PDB file of N, CA and C in Angstrom:
ATOM      1  N   UNK A   1     115.302 123.801 108.161  1.00  0.00           N
ATOM      2  CA  UNK A   1     116.614 124.116 107.666  1.00  0.00           C
ATOM      3  C   UNK A   1     116.536 125.442 106.916  1.00  0.00           C
ATOM      4  N   UNK A   2     116.983 126.483 107.551  1.00  0.00           N
ATOM      5  CA  UNK A   2     116.953 127.797 106.941  1.00  0.00           C
ATOM      6  C   UNK A   2     117.907 127.877 105.761  1.00  0.00           C
ATOM      7  N   UNK A   3     117.514 128.655 104.775  1.00  0.00           N
ATOM      8  CA  UNK A   3     118.368 128.866 103.622  1.00  0.00           C
ATOM      9  C   UNK A   3     118.383 127.717 102.631  1.00  0.00           C
ATOM     10  N   UNK A   4     117.573 126.686 102.869  1.00  0.00           N
ATOM     11  CA  UNK A   4     117.565 125.522 101.981  1.00  0.00           C
ATOM     12  C   UNK A   4     116.436 125.597 100.956  1.00  0.00           C
ATOM     13  N   UNK A   5     115.707 126.697 100.919  1.00  0.00           N
ATOM     14  CA  UNK A   5     114.625 126.815  99.945  1.00  0.00           C
ATOM     15  C   UNK A   5     113.322 126.286 100.497  1.00  0.00           C
ATOM     16  N   UNK A   6     112.706 125.373  99.774  1.00  0.00           N
ATOM     17  CA  UNK A   6     111.404 124.840 100.156  1.00  0.00           C
ATOM     18  C   UNK A   6     111.482 123.954 101.392  1.00  0.00           C
ATOM     19  N   UNK A   7     110.310 123.723 101.998  1.00  0.00           N
ATOM     20  CA  UNK A   7     110.241 122.991 103.252  1.00  0.00           C
ATOM     21  C   UNK A   7     109.701 121.578 103.061  1.00  0.00           C
ATOM     22  N   UNK A   8     109.899 120.756 104.069  1.00  0.00           N
ATOM     23  CA  UNK A   8     109.356 119.402 104.089  1.00  0.00           C
ATOM     24  C   UNK A   8     108.229 119.339 105.115  1.00  0.00           C
ATOM     25  N   UNK A   9     107.335 118.400 104.933  1.00  0.00           N
ATOM     26  CA  UNK A   9     106.188 118.222 105.809  1.00  0.00           C
ATOM     27  C   UNK A   9     106.092 116.761 106.203  1.00  0.00           C
ATOM     28  N   UNK A  10     105.984 116.497 107.498  1.00  0.00           N
ATOM     29  CA  UNK A  10     105.779 115.132 107.983  1.00  0.00           C
ATOM     30  C   UNK A  10     104.299 114.819 107.875  1.00  0.00           C
ATOM     31  N   UNK A  11     103.976 113.677 107.283  1.00  0.00           N
ATOM     32  CA  UNK A  11     102.587 113.256 107.190  1.00  0.00           C
ATOM     33  C   UNK A  11     102.396 112.000 108.023  1.00  0.00           C
ATOM     34  N   UNK A  12     101.257 111.913 108.673  1.00  0.00           N
ATOM     35  CA  UNK A  12     100.929 110.749 109.493  1.00  0.00           C
ATOM     36  C   UNK A  12      99.424 110.596 109.517  1.00  0.00           C
ATOM     37  N   UNK A  13      98.967 109.380 109.509  1.00  0.00           N
ATOM     38  CA  UNK A  13      97.538 109.103 109.549  1.00  0.00           C
ATOM     39  C   UNK A  13      97.315 107.613 109.510  1.00  0.00           C
ATOM     40  N   UNK A  14      96.155 107.223 109.056  1.00  0.00           N
ATOM     41  CA  UNK A  14      95.871 105.809 108.909  1.00  0.00           C
ATOM     42  C   UNK A  14      94.951 105.604 107.721  1.00  0.00           C
ATOM     43  N   UNK A  15      95.010 104.402 107.147  1.00  0.00           N
ATOM     44  CA  UNK A  15      94.170 104.083 105.993  1.00  0.00           C
ATOM     45  C   UNK A  15      93.841 102.599 106.008  1.00  0.00           C
ATOM     46  N   UNK A  16      92.663 102.272 105.489  1.00  0.00           N
ATOM     47  CA  UNK A  16      92.207 100.889 105.448  1.00  0.00           C
ATOM     48  C   UNK A  16      91.433 100.675 104.160  1.00  0.00           C
ATOM     49  N   UNK A  17      91.715  99.604 103.467  1.00  0.00           N
ATOM     50  CA  UNK A  17      91.006  99.227 102.246  1.00  0.00           C
ATOM     51  C   UNK A  17      89.900  98.261 102.650  1.00  0.00           C
ATOM     52  N   UNK A  18      88.660  98.757 102.731  1.00  0.00           N
ATOM     53  CA  UNK A  18      87.540  97.920 103.166  1.00  0.00           C
ATOM     54  C   UNK A  18      87.206  96.829 102.160  1.00  0.00           C
ATOM     55  N   UNK A  19      87.431  97.064 100.892  1.00  0.00           N
ATOM     56  CA  UNK A  19      87.112  96.060  99.872  1.00  0.00           C
ATOM     57  C   UNK A  19      87.989  94.824 100.020  1.00  0.00           C
ATOM     58  N   UNK A  20      89.295  95.021 100.207  1.00  0.00           N
ATOM     59  CA  UNK A  20      90.227  93.897 100.342  1.00  0.00           C
ATOM     60  C   UNK A  20      90.520  93.545 101.797  1.00  0.00           C
ATOM     61  N   UNK A  21      89.952  94.300 102.714  1.00  0.00           N
ATOM     62  CA  UNK A  21      90.099  94.079 104.155  1.00  0.00           C
ATOM     63  C   UNK A  21      91.550  94.025 104.603  1.00  0.00           C
ATOM     64  N   UNK A  22      92.312  95.057 104.199  1.00  0.00           N
ATOM     65  CA  UNK A  22      93.719  95.152 104.585  1.00  0.00           C
ATOM     66  C   UNK A  22      94.199  96.588 104.431  1.00  0.00           C
ATOM     67  N   UNK A  23      95.324  96.906 105.067  1.00  0.00           N
ATOM     68  CA  UNK A  23      95.889  98.243 104.870  1.00  0.00           C
ATOM     69  C   UNK A  23      96.407  98.379 103.435  1.00  0.00           C
ATOM     70  N   UNK A  24      96.532  99.602 102.945  1.00  0.00           N
ATOM     71  CA  UNK A  24      97.109  99.770 101.608  1.00  0.00           C
ATOM     72  C   UNK A  24      98.574  99.349 101.588  1.00  0.00           C
ATOM     73  N   UNK A  25      99.084  99.151 100.389  1.00  0.00           N
ATOM     74  CA  UNK A  25     100.472  98.734 100.218  1.00  0.00           C
ATOM     75  C   UNK A  25     101.433  99.867 100.556  1.00  0.00           C
ATOM     76  N   UNK A  26     101.106 101.079 100.126  1.00  0.00           N
ATOM     77  CA  UNK A  26     101.982 102.226 100.344  1.00  0.00           C
ATOM     78  C   UNK A  26     101.161 103.503 100.244  1.00  0.00           C
ATOM     79  N   UNK A  27     101.688 104.568 100.793  1.00  0.00           N
ATOM     80  CA  UNK A  27     101.088 105.895 100.686  1.00  0.00           C
ATOM     81  C   UNK A  27     102.015 106.750  99.832  1.00  0.00           C
ATOM     82  N   UNK A  28     101.430 107.448  98.871  1.00  0.00           N
ATOM     83  CA  UNK A  28     102.190 108.302  97.957  1.00  0.00           C
ATOM     84  C   UNK A  28     101.628 109.716  98.041  1.00  0.00           C
ATOM     85  N   UNK A  29     102.503 110.693  98.137  1.00  0.00           N
ATOM     86  CA  UNK A  29     102.087 112.096  98.169  1.00  0.00           C
ATOM     87  C   UNK A  29     102.519 112.776  96.878  1.00  0.00           C
ATOM     88  N   UNK A  30     101.648 113.628  96.363  1.00  0.00           N
ATOM     89  CA  UNK A  30     101.994 114.410  95.182  1.00  0.00           C
ATOM     90  C   UNK A  30     101.835 115.893  95.489  1.00  0.00           C
ATOM     91  N   UNK A  31     102.670 116.691  94.875  1.00  0.00           N
ATOM     92  CA  UNK A  31     102.585 118.146  94.971  1.00  0.00           C
ATOM     93  C   UNK A  31     102.512 118.684  93.555  1.00  0.00           C
ATOM     94  N   UNK A  32     101.421 119.345  93.248  1.00  0.00           N
ATOM     95  CA  UNK A  32     101.198 119.865  91.897  1.00  0.00           C
ATOM     96  C   UNK A  32     101.369 118.785  90.839  1.00  0.00           C
ATOM     97  N   UNK A  33     100.886 117.564  91.132  1.00  0.00           N
ATOM     98  CA  UNK A  33     100.895 116.478  90.174  1.00  0.00           C
ATOM     99  C   UNK A  33     102.182 115.677  90.074  1.00  0.00           C
ATOM    100  N   UNK A  34     103.182 115.975  90.902  1.00  0.00           N
ATOM    101  CA  UNK A  34     104.472 115.278  90.874  1.00  0.00           C
ATOM    102  C   UNK A  34     104.659 114.534  92.191  1.00  0.00           C
ATOM    103  N   UNK A  35     105.098 113.261  92.122  1.00  0.00           N
ATOM    104  CA  UNK A  35     105.351 112.512  93.357  1.00  0.00           C
ATOM    105  C   UNK A  35     106.440 113.223  94.146  1.00  0.00           C
ATOM    106  N   UNK A  36     106.107 113.600  95.382  1.00  0.00           N
ATOM    107  CA  UNK A  36     107.043 114.364  96.201  1.00  0.00           C
ATOM    108  C   UNK A  36     107.237 113.773  97.582  1.00  0.00           C
ATOM    109  N   UNK A  37     106.582 112.644  97.864  1.00  0.00           N
ATOM    110  CA  UNK A  37     106.756 112.037  99.172  1.00  0.00           C
ATOM    111  C   UNK A  37     106.177 110.643  99.233  1.00  0.00           C
ATOM    112  N   UNK A  38     106.665 109.882 100.196  1.00  0.00           N
ATOM    113  CA  UNK A  38     106.203 108.519 100.443  1.00  0.00           C
ATOM    114  C   UNK A  38     105.992 108.344 101.935  1.00  0.00           C
ATOM    115  N   UNK A  39     105.124 107.407 102.277  1.00  0.00           N
ATOM    116  CA  UNK A  39     104.919 107.071 103.682  1.00  0.00           C
ATOM    117  C   UNK A  39     104.878 105.552 103.806  1.00  0.00           C
ATOM    118  N   UNK A  40     105.476 105.055 104.858  1.00  0.00           N
ATOM    119  CA  UNK A  40     105.461 103.626 105.152  1.00  0.00           C
ATOM    120  C   UNK A  40     104.175 103.294 105.899  1.00  0.00           C
ATOM    121  N   UNK A  41     103.544 102.193 105.521  1.00  0.00           N
ATOM    122  CA  UNK A  41     102.325 101.722 106.170  1.00  0.00           C
ATOM    123  C   UNK A  41     102.702 100.605 107.130  1.00  0.00           C
ATOM    124  N   UNK A  42     102.053 100.573 108.273  1.00  0.00           N
ATOM    125  CA  UNK A  42     102.299  99.504 109.237  1.00  0.00           C
ATOM    126  C   UNK A  42     102.485 100.005 110.652  1.00  0.00           C
ATOM    127  N   UNK A  43     102.286 101.306 110.867  1.00  0.00           N
ATOM    128  CA  UNK A  43     102.387 101.867 112.209  1.00  0.00           C
ATOM    129  C   UNK A  43     101.249 101.302 113.067  1.00  0.00           C
ATOM    130  N   UNK A  44     101.546 100.924 114.297  1.00  0.00           N
ATOM    131  CA  UNK A  44     100.571 100.305 115.182  1.00  0.00           C
ATOM    132  C   UNK A  44      99.605 101.347 115.721  1.00  0.00           C
ATOM    133  N   UNK A  45      98.308 101.181 115.436  1.00  0.00           N
ATOM    134  CA  UNK A  45      97.253 102.086 115.884  1.00  0.00           C
ATOM    135  C   UNK A  45      96.089 101.266 116.447  1.00  0.00           C
ATOM    136  N   UNK A  46      96.213 100.705 117.655  1.00  0.00           N
ATOM    137  CA  UNK A  46      95.167  99.824 118.194  1.00  0.00           C
ATOM    138  C   UNK A  46      93.823 100.527 118.398  1.00  0.00           C
ATOM    139  N   UNK A  47      93.818 101.808 118.680  1.00  0.00           N
ATOM    140  CA  UNK A  47      92.557 102.526 118.894  1.00  0.00           C
ATOM    141  C   UNK A  47      91.724 102.599 117.618  1.00  0.00           C
ATOM    142  N   UNK A  48      92.367 102.622 116.463  1.00  0.00           N
ATOM    143  CA  UNK A  48      91.645 102.673 115.194  1.00  0.00           C
ATOM    144  C   UNK A  48      90.828 101.397 115.009  1.00  0.00           C
ATOM    145  N   UNK A  49      91.423 100.254 115.309  1.00  0.00           N
ATOM    146  CA  UNK A  49      90.725  98.974 115.186  1.00  0.00           C
ATOM    147  C   UNK A  49      89.545  98.899 116.153  1.00  0.00           C
ATOM    148  N   UNK A  50      89.733  99.390 117.371  1.00  0.00           N
ATOM    149  CA  UNK A  50      88.672  99.367 118.375  1.00  0.00           C
ATOM    150  C   UNK A  50      87.507 100.262 117.957  1.00  0.00           C
ATOM    151  N   UNK A  51      87.811 101.444 117.428  1.00  0.00           N
ATOM    152  CA  UNK A  51      86.781 102.420 117.071  1.00  0.00           C
ATOM    153  C   UNK A  51      86.108 102.162 115.726  1.00  0.00           C
ATOM    154  N   UNK A  52      86.678 101.294 114.895  1.00  0.00           N
ATOM    155  CA  UNK A  52      86.156 101.025 113.554  1.00  0.00           C
ATOM    156  C   UNK A  52      86.008  99.522 113.356  1.00  0.00           C
ATOM    157  N   UNK A  53      84.807  98.983 113.567  1.00  0.00           N
ATOM    158  CA  UNK A  53      84.603  97.535 113.521  1.00  0.00           C
ATOM    159  C   UNK A  53      85.020  96.867 112.210  1.00  0.00           C
ATOM    160  N   UNK A  54      85.008  97.570 111.090  1.00  0.00           N
ATOM    161  CA  UNK A  54      85.394  96.988 109.810  1.00  0.00           C
ATOM    162  C   UNK A  54      86.893  96.851 109.619  1.00  0.00           C
ATOM    163  N   UNK A  55      87.663  97.505 110.483  1.00  0.00           N
ATOM    164  CA  UNK A  55      89.125  97.443 110.396  1.00  0.00           C
ATOM    165  C   UNK A  55      89.588  96.213 111.169  1.00  0.00           C
ATOM    166  N   UNK A  56      90.332  95.343 110.499  1.00  0.00           N
ATOM    167  CA  UNK A  56      90.697  94.052 111.094  1.00  0.00           C
ATOM    168  C   UNK A  56      92.157  93.949 111.506  1.00  0.00           C
ATOM    169  N   UNK A  57      92.878  95.056 111.511  1.00  0.00           N
ATOM    170  CA  UNK A  57      94.287  95.056 111.907  1.00  0.00           C
ATOM    171  C   UNK A  57      94.578  96.330 112.689  1.00  0.00           C
ATOM    172  N   UNK A  58      95.507  96.243 113.602  1.00  0.00           N
ATOM    173  CA  UNK A  58      95.950  97.437 114.327  1.00  0.00           C
ATOM    174  C   UNK A  58      97.119  98.124 113.635  1.00  0.00           C
ATOM    175  N   UNK A  59      97.655  97.511 112.589  1.00  0.00           N
ATOM    176  CA  UNK A  59      98.819  98.055 111.877  1.00  0.00           C
ATOM    177  C   UNK A  59      98.370  98.822 110.628  1.00  0.00           C
ATOM    178  N   UNK A  60      97.600  99.872 110.844  1.00  0.00           N
ATOM    179  CA  UNK A  60      97.003 100.638 109.752  1.00  0.00           C
ATOM    180  C   UNK A  60      97.581 102.053 109.631  1.00  0.00           C
ATOM    181  N   UNK A  61      98.462 102.421 110.516  1.00  0.00           N
ATOM    182  CA  UNK A  61      99.020 103.772 110.494  1.00  0.00           C
ATOM    183  C   UNK A  61     100.070 103.948 109.414  1.00  0.00           C
ATOM    184  N   UNK A  62     100.277 105.187 109.017  1.00  0.00           N
ATOM    185  CA  UNK A  62     101.356 105.501 108.081  1.00  0.00           C
ATOM    186  C   UNK A  62     102.077 106.761 108.542  1.00  0.00           C
ATOM    187  N   UNK A  63     103.369 106.813 108.238  1.00  0.00           N
ATOM    188  CA  UNK A  63     104.205 107.967 108.558  1.00  0.00           C
ATOM    189  C   UNK A  63     105.173 108.159 107.401  1.00  0.00           C
ATOM    190  N   UNK A  64     105.347 109.397 106.993  1.00  0.00           N
ATOM    191  CA  UNK A  64     106.275 109.693 105.908  1.00  0.00           C
ATOM    192  C   UNK A  64     106.539 111.178 105.795  1.00  0.00           C
ATOM    193  N   UNK A  65     107.171 111.557 104.716  1.00  0.00           N
ATOM    194  CA  UNK A  65     107.539 112.956 104.496  1.00  0.00           C
ATOM    195  C   UNK A  65     107.267 113.360 103.054  1.00  0.00           C
ATOM    196  N   UNK A  66     106.866 114.607 102.900  1.00  0.00           N
ATOM    197  CA  UNK A  66     106.707 115.223 101.597  1.00  0.00           C
ATOM    198  C   UNK A  66     107.732 116.345 101.553  1.00  0.00           C
ATOM    199  N   UNK A  67     108.535 116.384 100.485  1.00  0.00           N
ATOM    200  CA  UNK A  67     109.588 117.390 100.429  1.00  0.00           C
ATOM    201  C   UNK A  67     109.321 118.420  99.340  1.00  0.00           C
ATOM    202  N   UNK A  68     110.089 119.478  99.393  1.00  0.00           N
ATOM    203  CA  UNK A  68     110.035 120.548  98.401  1.00  0.00           C
ATOM    204  C   UNK A  68     108.665 121.203  98.311  1.00  0.00           C
ATOM    205  N   UNK A  69     108.083 121.503  99.470  1.00  0.00           N
ATOM    206  CA  UNK A  69     106.799 122.185  99.491  1.00  0.00           C
ATOM    207  C   UNK A  69     106.990 123.680  99.658  1.00  0.00           C
ATOM    208  N   UNK A  70     106.304 124.433  98.851  1.00  0.00           N
ATOM    209  CA  UNK A  70     106.232 125.866  99.098  1.00  0.00           C
ATOM    210  C   UNK A  70     104.974 126.091  99.927  1.00  0.00           C
ATOM    211  N   UNK A  71     104.805 127.245 100.545  1.00  0.00           N
ATOM    212  CA  UNK A  71     103.676 127.435 101.460  1.00  0.00           C
ATOM    213  C   UNK A  71     102.294 127.198 100.859  1.00  0.00           C
ATOM    214  N   UNK A  72     102.114 127.339  99.565  1.00  0.00           N
ATOM    215  CA  UNK A  72     100.778 127.180  98.989  1.00  0.00           C
ATOM    216  C   UNK A  72     100.739 126.126  97.886  1.00  0.00           C
ATOM    217  N   UNK A  73     101.535 125.112  98.023  1.00  0.00           N
ATOM    218  CA  UNK A  73     101.557 124.001  97.074  1.00  0.00           C
ATOM    219  C   UNK A  73     100.308 123.139  97.262  1.00  0.00           C
ATOM    220  N   UNK A  74      99.708 122.726  96.159  1.00  0.00           N
ATOM    221  CA  UNK A  74      98.583 121.786  96.233  1.00  0.00           C
ATOM    222  C   UNK A  74      99.154 120.400  96.502  1.00  0.00           C
ATOM    223  N   UNK A  75      98.632 119.718  97.525  1.00  0.00           N
ATOM    224  CA  UNK A  75      99.145 118.408  97.894  1.00  0.00           C
ATOM    225  C   UNK A  75      98.003 117.404  97.915  1.00  0.00           C
ATOM    226  N   UNK A  76      98.267 116.184  97.430  1.00  0.00           N
ATOM    227  CA  UNK A  76      97.305 115.088  97.492  1.00  0.00           C
ATOM    228  C   UNK A  76      98.007 113.865  98.064  1.00  0.00           C
ATOM    229  N   UNK A  77      97.266 113.096  98.860  1.00  0.00           N
ATOM    230  CA  UNK A  77      97.777 111.868  99.463  1.00  0.00           C
ATOM    231  C   UNK A  77      96.972 110.710  98.889  1.00  0.00           C
ATOM    232  N   UNK A  78      97.681 109.711  98.351  1.00  0.00           N
ATOM    233  CA  UNK A  78      97.045 108.551  97.744  1.00  0.00           C
ATOM    234  C   UNK A  78      97.463 107.281  98.470  1.00  0.00           C
ATOM    235  N   UNK A  79      96.553 106.305  98.496  1.00  0.00           N
ATOM    236  CA  UNK A  79      96.864 104.962  98.981  1.00  0.00           C
ATOM    237  C   UNK A  79      97.032 104.061  97.767  1.00  0.00           C
ATOM    238  N   UNK A  80      98.131 103.326  97.723  1.00  0.00           N
ATOM    239  CA  UNK A  80      98.350 102.328  96.678  1.00  0.00           C
ATOM    240  C   UNK A  80      97.787 101.016  97.204  1.00  0.00           C
ATOM    241  N   UNK A  81      96.711 100.545  96.560  1.00  0.00           N
ATOM    242  CA  UNK A  81      96.021  99.349  97.025  1.00  0.00           C
ATOM    243  C   UNK A  81      96.630  98.096  96.408  1.00  0.00           C
ATOM    244  N   UNK A  82      96.517  96.995  97.102  1.00  0.00           N
ATOM    245  CA  UNK A  82      97.068  95.714  96.639  1.00  0.00           C
ATOM    246  C   UNK A  82      96.189  95.139  95.523  1.00  0.00           C
ATOM    247  N   UNK A  83      96.635  94.017  94.981  1.00  0.00           N
ATOM    248  CA  UNK A  83      95.897  93.396  93.883  1.00  0.00           C
ATOM    249  C   UNK A  83      96.173  94.164  92.607  1.00  0.00           C
ATOM    250  N   UNK A  84      95.136  94.464  91.866  1.00  0.00           N
ATOM    251  CA  UNK A  84      95.285  95.286  90.674  1.00  0.00           C
ATOM    252  C   UNK A  84      95.719  96.672  91.153  1.00  0.00           C
ATOM    253  N   UNK A  85      96.933  97.117  90.783  1.00  0.00           N
ATOM    254  CA  UNK A  85      97.423  98.403  91.317  1.00  0.00           C
ATOM    255  C   UNK A  85      96.439  99.545  91.071  1.00  0.00           C
ATOM    256  N   UNK A  86      95.986 100.145  92.146  1.00  0.00           N
ATOM    257  CA  UNK A  86      95.029 101.228  92.106  1.00  0.00           C
ATOM    258  C   UNK A  86      95.464 102.300  93.085  1.00  0.00           C
ATOM    259  N   UNK A  87      95.413 103.545  92.659  1.00  0.00           N
ATOM    260  CA  UNK A  87      95.647 104.664  93.564  1.00  0.00           C
ATOM    261  C   UNK A  87      94.311 105.217  93.991  1.00  0.00           C
ATOM    262  N   UNK A  88      94.121 105.399  95.281  1.00  0.00           N
ATOM    263  CA  UNK A  88      92.887 105.942  95.821  1.00  0.00           C
ATOM    264  C   UNK A  88      93.192 107.212  96.587  1.00  0.00           C
ATOM    265  N   UNK A  89      92.506 108.287  96.245  1.00  0.00           N
ATOM    266  CA  UNK A  89      92.745 109.578  96.884  1.00  0.00           C
ATOM    267  C   UNK A  89      92.270 109.551  98.336  1.00  0.00           C
ATOM    268  N   UNK A  90      93.175 109.858  99.257  1.00  0.00           N
ATOM    269  CA  UNK A  90      92.836 109.933 100.680  1.00  0.00           C
ATOM    270  C   UNK A  90      92.627 111.369 101.128  1.00  0.00           C
ATOM    271  N   UNK A  91      93.388 112.284 100.564  1.00  0.00           N
ATOM    272  CA  UNK A  91      93.408 113.653 101.089  1.00  0.00           C
ATOM    273  C   UNK A  91      93.844 114.602  99.984  1.00  0.00           C
ATOM    274  N   UNK A  92      93.220 115.762  99.925  1.00  0.00           N
ATOM    275  CA  UNK A  92      93.605 116.769  98.949  1.00  0.00           C
ATOM    276  C   UNK A  92      93.364 118.146  99.550  1.00  0.00           C
ATOM    277  N   UNK A  93      94.371 118.982  99.510  1.00  0.00           N
ATOM    278  CA  UNK A  93      94.203 120.323 100.069  1.00  0.00           C
ATOM    279  C   UNK A  93      95.304 121.237  99.562  1.00  0.00           C
ATOM    280  N   UNK A  94      94.937 122.460  99.322  1.00  0.00           N
ATOM    281  CA  UNK A  94      95.908 123.521  99.099  1.00  0.00           C
ATOM    282  C   UNK A  94      96.098 124.141 100.477  1.00  0.00           C
ATOM    283  N   UNK A  95      97.298 124.172 100.956  1.00  0.00           N
ATOM    284  CA  UNK A  95      97.526 124.486 102.367  1.00  0.00           C
ATOM    285  C   UNK A  95      98.617 125.533 102.554  1.00  0.00           C
ATOM    286  N   UNK A  96      98.750 125.970 103.769  1.00  0.00           N
ATOM    287  CA  UNK A  96      99.796 126.897 104.162  1.00  0.00           C
ATOM    288  C   UNK A  96     100.742 126.269 105.169  1.00  0.00           C
ATOM    289  N   UNK A  97     101.006 124.974 105.021  1.00  0.00           N
ATOM    290  CA  UNK A  97     101.905 124.207 105.898  1.00  0.00           C
ATOM    291  C   UNK A  97     101.462 124.227 107.355  1.00  0.00           C
ATOM    292  N   UNK A  98     100.173 124.239 107.580  1.00  0.00           N
ATOM    293  CA  UNK A  98      99.638 124.224 108.938  1.00  0.00           C
ATOM    294  C   UNK A  98      99.156 122.835 109.340  1.00  0.00           C
ATOM    295  N   UNK A  99      98.721 122.029 108.407  1.00  0.00           N
ATOM    296  CA  UNK A  99      98.191 120.706 108.724  1.00  0.00           C
ATOM    297  C   UNK A  99      99.339 119.713 108.822  1.00  0.00           C
ATOM    298  N   UNK A 100      99.482 119.075 109.966  1.00  0.00           N
ATOM    299  CA  UNK A 100     100.578 118.147 110.172  1.00  0.00           C
ATOM    300  C   UNK A 100     100.130 116.689 110.197  1.00  0.00           C
ATOM    301  N   UNK A 101      98.938 116.437 110.710  1.00  0.00           N
ATOM    302  CA  UNK A 101      98.460 115.050 110.766  1.00  0.00           C
ATOM    303  C   UNK A 101      96.967 115.001 110.459  1.00  0.00           C
ATOM    304  N   UNK A 102      96.528 113.871 109.991  1.00  0.00           N
ATOM    305  CA  UNK A 102      95.121 113.624 109.775  1.00  0.00           C
ATOM    306  C   UNK A 102      94.934 112.125 109.695  1.00  0.00           C
ATOM    307  N   UNK A 103      93.709 111.690 109.800  1.00  0.00           N
ATOM    308  CA  UNK A 103      93.402 110.267 109.698  1.00  0.00           C
ATOM    309  C   UNK A 103      92.398 110.067 108.589  1.00  0.00           C
ATOM    310  N   UNK A 104      92.586 109.030 107.824  1.00  0.00           N
ATOM    311  CA  UNK A 104      91.661 108.733 106.738  1.00  0.00           C
ATOM    312  C   UNK A 104      91.413 107.244 106.677  1.00  0.00           C
ATOM    313  N   UNK A 105      90.178 106.876 106.492  1.00  0.00           N
ATOM    314  CA  UNK A 105      89.833 105.478 106.267  1.00  0.00           C
ATOM    315  C   UNK A 105      89.176 105.428 104.908  1.00  0.00           C
ATOM    316  N   UNK A 106      89.843 104.882 103.941  1.00  0.00           N
ATOM    317  CA  UNK A 106      89.309 104.860 102.591  1.00  0.00           C
ATOM    318  C   UNK A 106      88.439 103.635 102.403  1.00  0.00           C
ATOM    319  N   UNK A 107      87.224 103.846 101.969  1.00  0.00           N
ATOM    320  CA  UNK A 107      86.339 102.735 101.666  1.00  0.00           C
ATOM    321  C   UNK A 107      86.380 102.508 100.169  1.00  0.00           C
ATOM    322  N   UNK A 108      87.014 101.440  99.763  1.00  0.00           N
ATOM    323  CA  UNK A 108      87.242 101.138  98.348  1.00  0.00           C
ATOM    324  C   UNK A 108      85.972 100.603  97.714  1.00  0.00           C
ATOM    325  N   UNK A 109      85.236 101.488  97.053  1.00  0.00           N
ATOM    326  CA  UNK A 109      84.008 101.073  96.384  1.00  0.00           C
ATOM    327  C   UNK A 109      84.032 101.432  94.911  1.00  0.00           C
ATOM    328  N   UNK A 110      85.224 101.703  94.378  1.00  0.00           N
ATOM    329  CA  UNK A 110      85.352 102.073  92.992  1.00  0.00           C
ATOM    330  C   UNK A 110      85.399 103.568  92.774  1.00  0.00           C
ATOM    331  N   UNK A 111      84.966 104.349  93.746  1.00  0.00           N
ATOM    332  CA  UNK A 111      84.990 105.806  93.650  1.00  0.00           C
ATOM    333  C   UNK A 111      86.301 106.273  94.277  1.00  0.00           C
ATOM    334  N   UNK A 112      87.283 106.601  93.480  1.00  0.00           N
ATOM    335  CA  UNK A 112      88.608 106.915  93.981  1.00  0.00           C
ATOM    336  C   UNK A 112      88.730 108.301  94.606  1.00  0.00           C
ATOM    337  N   UNK A 113      87.639 109.041  94.657  1.00  0.00           N
ATOM    338  CA  UNK A 113      87.712 110.366  95.239  1.00  0.00           C
ATOM    339  C   UNK A 113      86.919 110.468  96.540  1.00  0.00           C
ATOM    340  N   UNK A 114      86.526 109.349  97.134  1.00  0.00           N
ATOM    341  CA  UNK A 114      85.773 109.432  98.370  1.00  0.00           C
ATOM    342  C   UNK A 114      86.543 108.827  99.522  1.00  0.00           C
ATOM    343  N   UNK A 115      86.430 109.447 100.651  1.00  0.00           N
ATOM    344  CA  UNK A 115      87.039 108.888 101.868  1.00  0.00           C
ATOM    345  C   UNK A 115      86.174 109.318 103.035  1.00  0.00           C
ATOM    346  N   UNK A 116      86.349 108.651 104.158  1.00  0.00           N
ATOM    347  CA  UNK A 116      85.630 109.035 105.367  1.00  0.00           C
ATOM    348  C   UNK A 116      86.658 109.317 106.433  1.00  0.00           C
ATOM    349  N   UNK A 117      86.488 110.389 107.136  1.00  0.00           N
ATOM    350  CA  UNK A 117      87.422 110.775 108.201  1.00  0.00           C
ATOM    351  C   UNK A 117      86.807 110.555 109.555  1.00  0.00           C
TER     352      UNK A 117
END
């Protein structure tokens, strides 16, 4: 949308909480420390389950949008895990609006800054 100022970015990927053996409750995106986007979890990704023996569901995908991004905004993607509410960092990058999709499988071992791609 030209003339509307900052841009939006579609985010898509997948996440799995290995500790609780389930997908995260929700995906939250932040830009410069402020919540700027959400993604719904539950997109069907059967290939992820086949390729990752520890993943026990095919509904591990997420899709959402992050709004009000300038070309060099720092963005982080977090998974909100079930049980005791915990945010786990899935992705962090200062970008130029070139990255549109990525996949992340978060292994919940208490280290909230580690993920495997």
